[in-house]
Amino acid sequence: MTDRKFSTVVKILSYQVLITLIITLGFAVAGGWQKALSPLCGGLAAIIPNLYFALRIYKSAGQEARKIVRSFYAGESGKLLLTGALFAMIFQIPDIQLLPLFAAYAAALSVFWFALLMR
């Protein structure tokens, strides 16, 4: 993977962190830090698996095509399993609020769509 592509991945992950922080701070201002826990968890449920996937793909750079494709599928599978595990842990938190949780999750994931539109 070239530095340019890696910098694009870093930008996308950075924007995911930024949008998560903005939403979390908005809920903190509106309802206190206890209300901000749900969107923070939702954002992290999007960011952490994407970071895992990006690192997995980055490590496969320079290998033969078959290994890159295998790494891609393994990374995507791991990302899905990690997302499920994170949500299973999040749902164990008492008083978690679903709307802010999923709003931040969807907002963090939407960064990919906007990145595609910007290109």
PDB file of N, CA and C in Angstrom:
ATOM      1  N   MET A   1       0.850  -1.166   0.000  1.00  0.00           N
ATOM      2  CA  MET A   1       0.000   0.000   0.000  1.00  0.00           C
ATOM      3  C   MET A   1       0.898   1.231   0.000  1.00  0.00           C
ATOM      4  N   THR A   2       0.573   2.175  -0.837  1.00  0.00           N
ATOM      5  CA  THR A   2       1.400   3.371  -0.910  1.00  0.00           C
ATOM      6  C   THR A   2       1.082   4.299   0.251  1.00  0.00           C
ATOM      7  N   ASP A   3       1.978   5.265   0.444  1.00  0.00           N
ATOM      8  CA  ASP A   3       1.754   6.234   1.514  1.00  0.00           C
ATOM      9  C   ASP A   3       0.480   7.034   1.276  1.00  0.00           C
ATOM     10  N   ARG A   4       0.183   7.317  -0.011  1.00  0.00           N
ATOM     11  CA  ARG A   4      -1.020   8.083  -0.328  1.00  0.00           C
ATOM     12  C   ARG A   4      -2.272   7.328   0.103  1.00  0.00           C
ATOM     13  N   LYS A   5      -2.328   6.039  -0.210  1.00  0.00           N
ATOM     14  CA  LYS A   5      -3.491   5.242   0.179  1.00  0.00           C
ATOM     15  C   LYS A   5      -3.583   5.129   1.692  1.00  0.00           C
ATOM     16  N   PHE A   6      -2.432   4.962   2.335  1.00  0.00           N
ATOM     17  CA  PHE A   6      -2.458   4.864   3.794  1.00  0.00           C
ATOM     18  C   PHE A   6      -2.912   6.185   4.393  1.00  0.00           C
ATOM     19  N   SER A   7      -2.478   7.291   3.815  1.00  0.00           N
ATOM     20  CA  SER A   7      -2.907   8.579   4.351  1.00  0.00           C
ATOM     21  C   SER A   7      -4.408   8.765   4.157  1.00  0.00           C
ATOM     22  N   THR A   8      -4.982   8.207   3.091  1.00  0.00           N
ATOM     23  CA  THR A   8      -6.426   8.260   2.890  1.00  0.00           C
ATOM     24  C   THR A   8      -7.131   7.479   3.987  1.00  0.00           C
ATOM     25  N   VAL A   9      -6.599   6.323   4.330  1.00  0.00           N
ATOM     26  CA  VAL A   9      -7.175   5.515   5.404  1.00  0.00           C
ATOM     27  C   VAL A   9      -7.076   6.260   6.728  1.00  0.00           C
ATOM     28  N   VAL A  10      -5.930   6.868   6.980  1.00  0.00           N
ATOM     29  CA  VAL A  10      -5.751   7.643   8.219  1.00  0.00           C
ATOM     30  C   VAL A  10      -6.746   8.795   8.263  1.00  0.00           C
ATOM     31  N   LYS A  11      -6.956   9.464   7.139  1.00  0.00           N
ATOM     32  CA  LYS A  11      -7.924  10.563   7.087  1.00  0.00           C
ATOM     33  C   LYS A  11      -9.330  10.074   7.409  1.00  0.00           C
ATOM     34  N   ILE A  12      -9.712   8.958   6.815  1.00  0.00           N
ATOM     35  CA  ILE A  12     -11.053   8.421   7.058  1.00  0.00           C
ATOM     36  C   ILE A  12     -11.215   8.060   8.533  1.00  0.00           C
ATOM     37  N   LEU A  13     -10.233   7.368   9.093  1.00  0.00           N
ATOM     38  CA  LEU A  13     -10.315   7.008  10.513  1.00  0.00           C
ATOM     39  C   LEU A  13     -10.323   8.256  11.388  1.00  0.00           C
ATOM     40  N   SER A  14      -9.556   9.257  11.007  1.00  0.00           N
ATOM     41  CA  SER A  14      -9.516  10.514  11.778  1.00  0.00           C
ATOM     42  C   SER A  14     -10.872  11.213  11.738  1.00  0.00           C
ATOM     43  N   TYR A  15     -11.503  11.223  10.569  1.00  0.00           N
ATOM     44  CA  TYR A  15     -12.828  11.834  10.467  1.00  0.00           C
ATOM     45  C   TYR A  15     -13.863  11.043  11.263  1.00  0.00           C
ATOM     46  N   GLN A  16     -13.697   9.728  11.323  1.00  0.00           N
ATOM     47  CA  GLN A  16     -14.603   8.928  12.152  1.00  0.00           C
ATOM     48  C   GLN A  16     -14.445   9.297  13.625  1.00  0.00           C
ATOM     49  N   VAL A  17     -13.208   9.462  14.051  1.00  0.00           N
ATOM     50  CA  VAL A  17     -12.958   9.874  15.435  1.00  0.00           C
ATOM     51  C   VAL A  17     -13.552  11.263  15.672  1.00  0.00           C
ATOM     52  N   LEU A  18     -13.336  12.168  14.727  1.00  0.00           N
ATOM     53  CA  LEU A  18     -13.835  13.535  14.868  1.00  0.00           C
ATOM     54  C   LEU A  18     -15.357  13.582  14.968  1.00  0.00           C
ATOM     55  N   ILE A  19     -16.052  12.886  14.075  1.00  0.00           N
ATOM     56  CA  ILE A  19     -17.515  12.903  14.101  1.00  0.00           C
ATOM     57  C   ILE A  19     -18.038  12.264  15.389  1.00  0.00           C
ATOM     58  N   THR A  20     -17.356  11.220  15.860  1.00  0.00           N
ATOM     59  CA  THR A  20     -17.751  10.592  17.121  1.00  0.00           C
ATOM     60  C   THR A  20     -17.574  11.556  18.285  1.00  0.00           C
ATOM     61  N   LEU A  21     -16.455  12.268  18.311  1.00  0.00           N
ATOM     62  CA  LEU A  21     -16.217  13.245  19.387  1.00  0.00           C
ATOM     63  C   LEU A  21     -17.231  14.384  19.352  1.00  0.00           C
ATOM     64  N   ILE A  22     -17.566  14.869  18.156  1.00  0.00           N
ATOM     65  CA  ILE A  22     -18.541  15.955  18.042  1.00  0.00           C
ATOM     66  C   ILE A  22     -19.905  15.517  18.569  1.00  0.00           C
ATOM     67  N   ILE A  23     -20.345  14.339  18.165  1.00  0.00           N
ATOM     68  CA  ILE A  23     -21.648  13.837  18.626  1.00  0.00           C
ATOM     69  C   ILE A  23     -21.615  13.588  20.136  1.00  0.00           C
ATOM     70  N   THR A  24     -20.530  12.993  20.613  1.00  0.00           N
ATOM     71  CA  THR A  24     -20.399  12.720  22.045  1.00  0.00           C
ATOM     72  C   THR A  24     -20.418  14.016  22.848  1.00  0.00           C
ATOM     73  N   LEU A  25     -19.675  15.009  22.399  1.00  0.00           N
ATOM     74  CA  LEU A  25     -19.664  16.300  23.104  1.00  0.00           C
ATOM     75  C   LEU A  25     -21.032  16.964  23.057  1.00  0.00           C
ATOM     76  N   GLY A  26     -21.731  16.827  21.937  1.00  0.00           N
ATOM     77  CA  GLY A  26     -23.079  17.377  21.849  1.00  0.00           C
ATOM     78  C   GLY A  26     -24.011  16.771  22.881  1.00  0.00           C
ATOM     79  N   PHE A  27     -23.948  15.468  23.033  1.00  0.00           N
ATOM     80  CA  PHE A  27     -24.775  14.814  24.044  1.00  0.00           C
ATOM     81  C   PHE A  27     -24.308  15.154  25.463  1.00  0.00           C
ATOM     82  N   ALA A  28     -23.018  15.338  25.645  1.00  0.00           N
ATOM     83  CA  ALA A  28     -22.493  15.713  26.962  1.00  0.00           C
ATOM     84  C   ALA A  28     -22.986  17.096  27.358  1.00  0.00           C
ATOM     85  N   VAL A  29     -22.973  18.018  26.410  1.00  0.00           N
ATOM     86  CA  VAL A  29     -23.446  19.376  26.693  1.00  0.00           C
ATOM     87  C   VAL A  29     -24.951  19.369  26.961  1.00  0.00           C
ATOM     88  N   ALA A  30     -25.688  18.613  26.165  1.00  0.00           N
ATOM     89  CA  ALA A  30     -27.144  18.592  26.290  1.00  0.00           C
ATOM     90  C   ALA A  30     -27.631  17.828  27.517  1.00  0.00           C
ATOM     91  N   GLY A  31     -26.931  16.768  27.897  1.00  0.00           N
ATOM     92  CA  GLY A  31     -27.472  15.937  28.972  1.00  0.00           C
ATOM     93  C   GLY A  31     -26.474  15.449  29.993  1.00  0.00           C
ATOM     94  N   GLY A  32     -25.246  15.893  29.914  1.00  0.00           N
ATOM     95  CA  GLY A  32     -24.239  15.446  30.872  1.00  0.00           C
ATOM     96  C   GLY A  32     -23.441  14.266  30.330  1.00  0.00           C
ATOM     97  N   TRP A  33     -22.370  13.968  31.017  1.00  0.00           N
ATOM     98  CA  TRP A  33     -21.459  12.926  30.540  1.00  0.00           C
ATOM     99  C   TRP A  33     -22.085  11.537  30.544  1.00  0.00           C
ATOM    100  N   GLN A  34     -23.045  11.304  31.413  1.00  0.00           N
ATOM    101  CA  GLN A  34     -23.719  10.000  31.412  1.00  0.00           C
ATOM    102  C   GLN A  34     -24.477   9.783  30.108  1.00  0.00           C
ATOM    103  N   LYS A  35     -25.061  10.847  29.572  1.00  0.00           N
ATOM    104  CA  LYS A  35     -25.779  10.761  28.295  1.00  0.00           C
ATOM    105  C   LYS A  35     -24.815  10.606  27.120  1.00  0.00           C
ATOM    106  N   ALA A  36     -23.572  11.002  27.312  1.00  0.00           N
ATOM    107  CA  ALA A  36     -22.582  10.947  26.232  1.00  0.00           C
ATOM    108  C   ALA A  36     -21.966   9.555  26.075  1.00  0.00           C
ATOM    109  N   LEU A  37     -22.189   8.680  27.030  1.00  0.00           N
ATOM    110  CA  LEU A  37     -21.600   7.345  26.966  1.00  0.00           C
ATOM    111  C   LEU A  37     -22.121   6.548  25.771  1.00  0.00           C
ATOM    112  N   SER A  38     -23.411   6.653  25.498  1.00  0.00           N
ATOM    113  CA  SER A  38     -24.006   5.876  24.399  1.00  0.00           C
ATOM    114  C   SER A  38     -23.420   6.246  23.037  1.00  0.00           C
ATOM    115  N   PRO A  39     -23.369   7.534  22.666  1.00  0.00           N
ATOM    116  CA  PRO A  39     -22.768   7.842  21.359  1.00  0.00           C
ATOM    117  C   PRO A  39     -21.272   7.543  21.303  1.00  0.00           C
ATOM    118  N   LEU A  40     -20.588   7.666  22.411  1.00  0.00           N
ATOM    119  CA  LEU A  40     -19.167   7.319  22.433  1.00  0.00           C
ATOM    120  C   LEU A  40     -18.985   5.833  22.127  1.00  0.00           C
ATOM    121  N   CYS A  41     -19.787   5.006  22.761  1.00  0.00           N
ATOM    122  CA  CYS A  41     -19.713   3.564  22.506  1.00  0.00           C
ATOM    123  C   CYS A  41     -20.089   3.237  21.065  1.00  0.00           C
ATOM    124  N   GLY A  42     -21.102   3.919  20.531  1.00  0.00           N
ATOM    125  CA  GLY A  42     -21.507   3.684  19.151  1.00  0.00           C
ATOM    126  C   GLY A  42     -20.404   4.044  18.169  1.00  0.00           C
ATOM    127  N   GLY A  43     -19.757   5.170  18.402  1.00  0.00           N
ATOM    128  CA  GLY A  43     -18.652   5.567  17.534  1.00  0.00           C
ATOM    129  C   GLY A  43     -17.491   4.600  17.609  1.00  0.00           C
ATOM    130  N   LEU A  44     -17.175   4.175  18.818  1.00  0.00           N
ATOM    131  CA  LEU A  44     -16.073   3.224  18.990  1.00  0.00           C
ATOM    132  C   LEU A  44     -16.389   1.871  18.354  1.00  0.00           C
ATOM    133  N   ALA A  45     -17.667   1.496  18.346  1.00  0.00           N
ATOM    134  CA  ALA A  45     -18.066   0.237  17.708  1.00  0.00           C
ATOM    135  C   ALA A  45     -17.862   0.291  16.199  1.00  0.00           C
ATOM    136  N   ALA A  46     -17.784   1.476  15.641  1.00  0.00           N
ATOM    137  CA  ALA A  46     -17.477   1.625  14.217  1.00  0.00           C
ATOM    138  C   ALA A  46     -15.980   1.790  13.980  1.00  0.00           C
ATOM    139  N   ILE A  47     -15.328   2.553  14.828  1.00  0.00           N
ATOM    140  CA  ILE A  47     -13.920   2.904  14.620  1.00  0.00           C
ATOM    141  C   ILE A  47     -12.988   1.718  14.858  1.00  0.00           C
ATOM    142  N   ILE A  48     -13.166   1.014  15.947  1.00  0.00           N
ATOM    143  CA  ILE A  48     -12.237  -0.063  16.319  1.00  0.00           C
ATOM    144  C   ILE A  48     -12.187  -1.165  15.254  1.00  0.00           C
ATOM    145  N   PRO A  49     -13.323  -1.679  14.771  1.00  0.00           N
ATOM    146  CA  PRO A  49     -13.240  -2.695  13.714  1.00  0.00           C
ATOM    147  C   PRO A  49     -12.622  -2.162  12.418  1.00  0.00           C
ATOM    148  N   ASN A  50     -12.896  -0.908  12.088  1.00  0.00           N
ATOM    149  CA  ASN A  50     -12.302  -0.331  10.878  1.00  0.00           C
ATOM    150  C   ASN A  50     -10.792  -0.180  11.029  1.00  0.00           C
ATOM    151  N   LEU A  51     -10.338   0.162  12.208  1.00  0.00           N
ATOM    152  CA  LEU A  51      -8.907   0.255  12.470  1.00  0.00           C
ATOM    153  C   LEU A  51      -8.261  -1.122  12.336  1.00  0.00           C
ATOM    154  N   TYR A  52      -8.904  -2.141  12.889  1.00  0.00           N
ATOM    155  CA  TYR A  52      -8.410  -3.509  12.752  1.00  0.00           C
ATOM    156  C   TYR A  52      -8.276  -3.893  11.280  1.00  0.00           C
ATOM    157  N   PHE A  53      -9.330  -3.617  10.505  1.00  0.00           N
ATOM    158  CA  PHE A  53      -9.327  -3.959   9.090  1.00  0.00           C
ATOM    159  C   PHE A  53      -8.207  -3.221   8.352  1.00  0.00           C
ATOM    160  N   ALA A  54      -8.058  -1.943   8.626  1.00  0.00           N
ATOM    161  CA  ALA A  54      -7.030  -1.141   7.960  1.00  0.00           C
ATOM    162  C   ALA A  54      -5.630  -1.669   8.272  1.00  0.00           C
ATOM    163  N   LEU A  55      -5.388  -2.006   9.517  1.00  0.00           N
ATOM    164  CA  LEU A  55      -4.074  -2.543   9.892  1.00  0.00           C
ATOM    165  C   LEU A  55      -3.824  -3.893   9.246  1.00  0.00           C
ATOM    166  N   ARG A  56      -4.847  -4.687   9.169  1.00  0.00           N
ATOM    167  CA  ARG A  56      -4.732  -6.014   8.548  1.00  0.00           C
ATOM    168  C   ARG A  56      -4.373  -5.889   7.058  1.00  0.00           C
ATOM    169  N   ILE A  57      -5.028  -4.987   6.374  1.00  0.00           N
ATOM    170  CA  ILE A  57      -4.756  -4.777   4.953  1.00  0.00           C
ATOM    171  C   ILE A  57      -3.385  -4.135   4.764  1.00  0.00           C
ATOM    172  N   TYR A  58      -3.037  -3.196   5.610  1.00  0.00           N
ATOM    173  CA  TYR A  58      -1.748  -2.515   5.508  1.00  0.00           C
ATOM    174  C   TYR A  58      -0.589  -3.511   5.646  1.00  0.00           C
ATOM    175  N   LYS A  59      -0.752  -4.484   6.534  1.00  0.00           N
ATOM    176  CA  LYS A  59       0.296  -5.490   6.728  1.00  0.00           C
ATOM    177  C   LYS A  59       0.477  -6.388   5.510  1.00  0.00           C
ATOM    178  N   SER A  60      -0.548  -6.508   4.680  1.00  0.00           N
ATOM    179  CA  SER A  60      -0.458  -7.398   3.520  1.00  0.00           C
ATOM    180  C   SER A  60       0.124  -6.703   2.289  1.00  0.00           C
ATOM    181  N   ALA A  61       0.426  -5.431   2.393  1.00  0.00           N
ATOM    182  CA  ALA A  61       0.955  -4.682   1.241  1.00  0.00           C
ATOM    183  C   ALA A  61       2.265  -5.305   0.763  1.00  0.00           C
ATOM    184  N   GLY A  62       2.408  -5.378  -0.542  1.00  0.00           N
ATOM    185  CA  GLY A  62       3.628  -5.902  -1.127  1.00  0.00           C
ATOM    186  C   GLY A  62       3.651  -7.409  -1.290  1.00  0.00           C
ATOM    187  N   GLN A  63       2.624  -8.083  -0.839  1.00  0.00           N
ATOM    188  CA  GLN A  63       2.569  -9.538  -0.990  1.00  0.00           C
ATOM    189  C   GLN A  63       1.914  -9.883  -2.327  1.00  0.00           C
ATOM    190  N   GLU A  64       1.925 -11.153  -2.651  1.00  0.00           N
ATOM    191  CA  GLU A  64       1.289 -11.580  -3.897  1.00  0.00           C
ATOM    192  C   GLU A  64      -0.224 -11.408  -3.779  1.00  0.00           C
ATOM    193  N   ALA A  65      -0.874 -11.304  -4.929  1.00  0.00           N
ATOM    194  CA  ALA A  65      -2.302 -10.979  -4.987  1.00  0.00           C
ATOM    195  C   ALA A  65      -3.163 -11.947  -4.179  1.00  0.00           C
ATOM    196  N   ARG A  66      -2.853 -13.221  -4.253  1.00  0.00           N
ATOM    197  CA  ARG A  66      -3.648 -14.221  -3.531  1.00  0.00           C
ATOM    198  C   ARG A  66      -3.619 -13.955  -2.021  1.00  0.00           C
ATOM    199  N   LYS A  67      -2.461 -13.604  -1.485  1.00  0.00           N
ATOM    200  CA  LYS A  67      -2.346 -13.332  -0.052  1.00  0.00           C
ATOM    201  C   LYS A  67      -3.056 -12.027   0.320  1.00  0.00           C
ATOM    202  N   ILE A  68      -3.029 -11.063  -0.578  1.00  0.00           N
ATOM    203  CA  ILE A  68      -3.733  -9.805  -0.307  1.00  0.00           C
ATOM    204  C   ILE A  68      -5.238 -10.045  -0.247  1.00  0.00           C
ATOM    205  N   VAL A  69      -5.747 -10.817  -1.192  1.00  0.00           N
ATOM    206  CA  VAL A  69      -7.178 -11.124  -1.205  1.00  0.00           C
ATOM    207  C   VAL A  69      -7.561 -11.919   0.038  1.00  0.00           C
ATOM    208  N   ARG A  70      -6.745 -12.888   0.398  1.00  0.00           N
ATOM    209  CA  ARG A  70      -7.005 -13.684   1.607  1.00  0.00           C
ATOM    210  C   ARG A  70      -7.006 -12.783   2.843  1.00  0.00           C
ATOM    211  N   SER A  71      -6.057 -11.861   2.893  1.00  0.00           N
ATOM    212  CA  SER A  71      -5.986 -10.930   4.011  1.00  0.00           C
ATOM    213  C   SER A  71      -7.207 -10.020   4.048  1.00  0.00           C
ATOM    214  N   PHE A  72      -7.672  -9.617   2.857  1.00  0.00           N
ATOM    215  CA  PHE A  72      -8.868  -8.784   2.773  1.00  0.00           C
ATOM    216  C   PHE A  72     -10.078  -9.514   3.356  1.00  0.00           C
ATOM    217  N   TYR A  73     -10.288 -10.756   2.943  1.00  0.00           N
ATOM    218  CA  TYR A  73     -11.429 -11.524   3.452  1.00  0.00           C
ATOM    219  C   TYR A  73     -11.302 -11.818   4.943  1.00  0.00           C
ATOM    220  N   ALA A  74     -10.097 -12.137   5.386  1.00  0.00           N
ATOM    221  CA  ALA A  74      -9.890 -12.385   6.814  1.00  0.00           C
ATOM    222  C   ALA A  74     -10.121 -11.101   7.612  1.00  0.00           C
ATOM    223  N   GLY A  75      -9.659  -9.989   7.071  1.00  0.00           N
ATOM    224  CA  GLY A  75      -9.861  -8.702   7.751  1.00  0.00           C
ATOM    225  C   GLY A  75     -11.330  -8.340   7.831  1.00  0.00           C
ATOM    226  N   GLU A  76     -12.052  -8.559   6.756  1.00  0.00           N
ATOM    227  CA  GLU A  76     -13.485  -8.239   6.759  1.00  0.00           C
ATOM    228  C   GLU A  76     -14.239  -9.163   7.713  1.00  0.00           C
ATOM    229  N   SER A  77     -13.885 -10.441   7.734  1.00  0.00           N
ATOM    230  CA  SER A  77     -14.522 -11.374   8.675  1.00  0.00           C
ATOM    231  C   SER A  77     -14.224 -10.973  10.112  1.00  0.00           C
ATOM    232  N   GLY A  78     -12.972 -10.654  10.371  1.00  0.00           N
ATOM    233  CA  GLY A  78     -12.588 -10.207  11.715  1.00  0.00           C
ATOM    234  C   GLY A  78     -13.295  -8.927  12.108  1.00  0.00           C
ATOM    235  N   LYS A  79     -13.460  -8.039  11.153  1.00  0.00           N
ATOM    236  CA  LYS A  79     -14.147  -6.775  11.408  1.00  0.00           C
ATOM    237  C   LYS A  79     -15.602  -7.031  11.810  1.00  0.00           C
ATOM    238  N   LEU A  80     -16.267  -7.917  11.097  1.00  0.00           N
ATOM    239  CA  LEU A  80     -17.658  -8.237  11.432  1.00  0.00           C
ATOM    240  C   LEU A  80     -17.776  -8.904  12.798  1.00  0.00           C
ATOM    241  N   LEU A  81     -16.879  -9.839  13.080  1.00  0.00           N
ATOM    242  CA  LEU A  81     -16.898 -10.506  14.390  1.00  0.00           C
ATOM    243  C   LEU A  81     -16.592  -9.526  15.514  1.00  0.00           C
ATOM    244  N   LEU A  82     -15.636  -8.648  15.274  1.00  0.00           N
ATOM    245  CA  LEU A  82     -15.280  -7.640  16.280  1.00  0.00           C
ATOM    246  C   LEU A  82     -16.444  -6.681  16.525  1.00  0.00           C
ATOM    247  N   THR A  83     -17.126  -6.284  15.464  1.00  0.00           N
ATOM    248  CA  THR A  83     -18.293  -5.407  15.610  1.00  0.00           C
ATOM    249  C   THR A  83     -19.366  -6.089  16.449  1.00  0.00           C
ATOM    250  N   GLY A  84     -19.643  -7.342  16.151  1.00  0.00           N
ATOM    251  CA  GLY A  84     -20.632  -8.087  16.938  1.00  0.00           C
ATOM    252  C   GLY A  84     -20.235  -8.212  18.393  1.00  0.00           C
ATOM    253  N   ALA A  85     -18.967  -8.502  18.643  1.00  0.00           N
ATOM    254  CA  ALA A  85     -18.489  -8.630  20.021  1.00  0.00           C
ATOM    255  C   ALA A  85     -18.577  -7.294  20.759  1.00  0.00           C
ATOM    256  N   LEU A  86     -18.227  -6.213  20.078  1.00  0.00           N
ATOM    257  CA  LEU A  86     -18.317  -4.896  20.714  1.00  0.00           C
ATOM    258  C   LEU A  86     -19.754  -4.548  21.070  1.00  0.00           C
ATOM    259  N   PHE A  87     -20.686  -4.806  20.149  1.00  0.00           N
ATOM    260  CA  PHE A  87     -22.087  -4.525  20.464  1.00  0.00           C
ATOM    261  C   PHE A  87     -22.594  -5.424  21.592  1.00  0.00           C
ATOM    262  N   ALA A  88     -22.162  -6.670  21.628  1.00  0.00           N
ATOM    263  CA  ALA A  88     -22.564  -7.557  22.729  1.00  0.00           C
ATOM    264  C   ALA A  88     -22.079  -6.996  24.068  1.00  0.00           C
ATOM    265  N   MET A  89     -20.864  -6.457  24.088  1.00  0.00           N
ATOM    266  CA  MET A  89     -20.346  -5.849  25.330  1.00  0.00           C
ATOM    267  C   MET A  89     -21.076  -4.549  25.642  1.00  0.00           C
ATOM    268  N   ILE A  90     -21.344  -3.745  24.618  1.00  0.00           N
ATOM    269  CA  ILE A  90     -22.027  -2.463  24.838  1.00  0.00           C
ATOM    270  C   ILE A  90     -23.416  -2.680  25.414  1.00  0.00           C
ATOM    271  N   PHE A  91     -24.119  -3.688  24.925  1.00  0.00           N
ATOM    272  CA  PHE A  91     -25.475  -3.937  25.407  1.00  0.00           C
ATOM    273  C   PHE A  91     -25.510  -4.429  26.854  1.00  0.00           C
ATOM    274  N   GLN A  92     -24.365  -4.740  27.415  1.00  0.00           N
ATOM    275  CA  GLN A  92     -24.289  -5.129  28.826  1.00  0.00           C
ATOM    276  C   GLN A  92     -24.204  -3.906  29.739  1.00  0.00           C
ATOM    277  N   ILE A  93     -23.939  -2.745  29.169  1.00  0.00           N
ATOM    278  CA  ILE A  93     -23.814  -1.518  29.956  1.00  0.00           C
ATOM    279  C   ILE A  93     -25.213  -1.093  30.398  1.00  0.00           C
ATOM    280  N   PRO A  94     -25.396  -0.863  31.704  1.00  0.00           N
ATOM    281  CA  PRO A  94     -26.718  -0.441  32.178  1.00  0.00           C
ATOM    282  C   PRO A  94     -27.076   0.947  31.619  1.00  0.00           C
ATOM    283  N   ASP A  95     -28.332   1.140  31.329  1.00  0.00           N
ATOM    284  CA  ASP A  95     -28.880   2.426  30.873  1.00  0.00           C
ATOM    285  C   ASP A  95     -28.296   2.920  29.561  1.00  0.00           C
ATOM    286  N   ILE A  96     -27.831   2.024  28.715  1.00  0.00           N
ATOM    287  CA  ILE A  96     -27.346   2.441  27.401  1.00  0.00           C
ATOM    288  C   ILE A  96     -28.554   2.894  26.583  1.00  0.00           C
ATOM    289  N   GLN A  97     -28.411   3.981  25.859  1.00  0.00           N
ATOM    290  CA  GLN A  97     -29.507   4.536  25.066  1.00  0.00           C
ATOM    291  C   GLN A  97     -29.277   4.189  23.594  1.00  0.00           C
ATOM    292  N   LEU A  98     -30.241   3.513  23.019  1.00  0.00           N
ATOM    293  CA  LEU A  98     -30.066   2.973  21.675  1.00  0.00           C
ATOM    294  C   LEU A  98     -30.012   4.038  20.576  1.00  0.00           C
ATOM    295  N   LEU A  99     -30.843   5.061  20.662  1.00  0.00           N
ATOM    296  CA  LEU A  99     -30.855   6.064  19.601  1.00  0.00           C
ATOM    297  C   LEU A  99     -29.510   6.796  19.483  1.00  0.00           C
ATOM    298  N   PRO A 100     -28.953   7.334  20.567  1.00  0.00           N
ATOM    299  CA  PRO A 100     -27.641   7.973  20.443  1.00  0.00           C
ATOM    300  C   PRO A 100     -26.534   6.982  20.054  1.00  0.00           C
ATOM    301  N   LEU A 101     -26.629   5.751  20.541  1.00  0.00           N
ATOM    302  CA  LEU A 101     -25.652   4.721  20.218  1.00  0.00           C
ATOM    303  C   LEU A 101     -25.611   4.472  18.716  1.00  0.00           C
ATOM    304  N   PHE A 102     -26.781   4.205  18.131  1.00  0.00           N
ATOM    305  CA  PHE A 102     -26.833   3.898  16.704  1.00  0.00           C
ATOM    306  C   PHE A 102     -26.659   5.140  15.834  1.00  0.00           C
ATOM    307  N   ALA A 103     -27.027   6.309  16.348  1.00  0.00           N
ATOM    308  CA  ALA A 103     -26.809   7.549  15.589  1.00  0.00           C
ATOM    309  C   ALA A 103     -25.314   7.795  15.400  1.00  0.00           C
ATOM    310  N   ALA A 104     -24.542   7.636  16.454  1.00  0.00           N
ATOM    311  CA  ALA A 104     -23.096   7.832  16.354  1.00  0.00           C
ATOM    312  C   ALA A 104     -22.454   6.723  15.520  1.00  0.00           C
ATOM    313  N   TYR A 105     -22.946   5.505  15.663  1.00  0.00           N
ATOM    314  CA  TYR A 105     -22.429   4.396  14.865  1.00  0.00           C
ATOM    315  C   TYR A 105     -22.655   4.675  13.376  1.00  0.00           C
ATOM    316  N   ALA A 106     -23.882   5.059  13.022  1.00  0.00           N
ATOM    317  CA  ALA A 106     -24.205   5.346  11.618  1.00  0.00           C
ATOM    318  C   ALA A 106     -23.423   6.558  11.110  1.00  0.00           C
ATOM    319  N   ALA A 107     -23.265   7.566  11.943  1.00  0.00           N
ATOM    320  CA  ALA A 107     -22.512   8.756  11.530  1.00  0.00           C
ATOM    321  C   ALA A 107     -21.054   8.408  11.257  1.00  0.00           C
ATOM    322  N   ALA A 108     -20.463   7.581  12.113  1.00  0.00           N
ATOM    323  CA  ALA A 108     -19.068   7.187  11.911  1.00  0.00           C
ATOM    324  C   ALA A 108     -18.929   6.342  10.640  1.00  0.00           C
ATOM    325  N   LEU A 109     -19.877   5.465  10.393  1.00  0.00           N
ATOM    326  CA  LEU A 109     -19.826   4.656   9.170  1.00  0.00           C
ATOM    327  C   LEU A 109     -20.078   5.492   7.916  1.00  0.00           C
ATOM    328  N   SER A 110     -20.868   6.539   8.054  1.00  0.00           N
ATOM    329  CA  SER A 110     -21.184   7.372   6.891  1.00  0.00           C
ATOM    330  C   SER A 110     -19.968   8.138   6.381  1.00  0.00           C
ATOM    331  N   VAL A 111     -18.918   8.218   7.166  1.00  0.00           N
ATOM    332  CA  VAL A 111     -17.690   8.872   6.715  1.00  0.00           C
ATOM    333  C   VAL A 111     -17.185   8.212   5.435  1.00  0.00           C
ATOM    334  N   PHE A 112     -17.318   6.906   5.316  1.00  0.00           N
ATOM    335  CA  PHE A 112     -16.903   6.200   4.100  1.00  0.00           C
ATOM    336  C   PHE A 112     -17.672   6.706   2.880  1.00  0.00           C
ATOM    337  N   TRP A 113     -18.975   6.877   3.042  1.00  0.00           N
ATOM    338  CA  TRP A 113     -19.804   7.322   1.919  1.00  0.00           C
ATOM    339  C   TRP A 113     -19.405   8.728   1.484  1.00  0.00           C
ATOM    340  N   PHE A 114     -19.193   9.601   2.455  1.00  0.00           N
ATOM    341  CA  PHE A 114     -18.802  10.973   2.115  1.00  0.00           C
ATOM    342  C   PHE A 114     -17.407  11.012   1.503  1.00  0.00           C
ATOM    343  N   ALA A 115     -16.531  10.120   1.950  1.00  0.00           N
ATOM    344  CA  ALA A 115     -15.181  10.060   1.367  1.00  0.00           C
ATOM    345  C   ALA A 115     -15.275   9.661  -0.105  1.00  0.00           C
ATOM    346  N   LEU A 116     -16.170   8.732  -0.433  1.00  0.00           N
ATOM    347  CA  LEU A 116     -16.358   8.331  -1.824  1.00  0.00           C
ATOM    348  C   LEU A 116     -16.931   9.475  -2.663  1.00  0.00           C
ATOM    349  N   LEU A 117     -17.853  10.219  -2.080  1.00  0.00           N
ATOM    350  CA  LEU A 117     -18.449  11.338  -2.804  1.00  0.00           C
ATOM    351  C   LEU A 117     -17.431  12.456  -3.038  1.00  0.00           C
ATOM    352  N   MET A 118     -16.506  12.625  -2.117  1.00  0.00           N
ATOM    353  CA  MET A 118     -15.508  13.690  -2.205  1.00  0.00           C
ATOM    354  C   MET A 118     -14.460  13.381  -3.260  1.00  0.00           C
ATOM    355  N   ARG A 119     -14.269  12.124  -3.587  1.00  0.00           N
ATOM    356  CA  ARG A 119     -13.264  11.749  -4.584  1.00  0.00           C
ATOM    357  C   ARG A 119     -13.839  12.069  -5.908  1.00  0.00           C
TER     358      ARG A 119
END
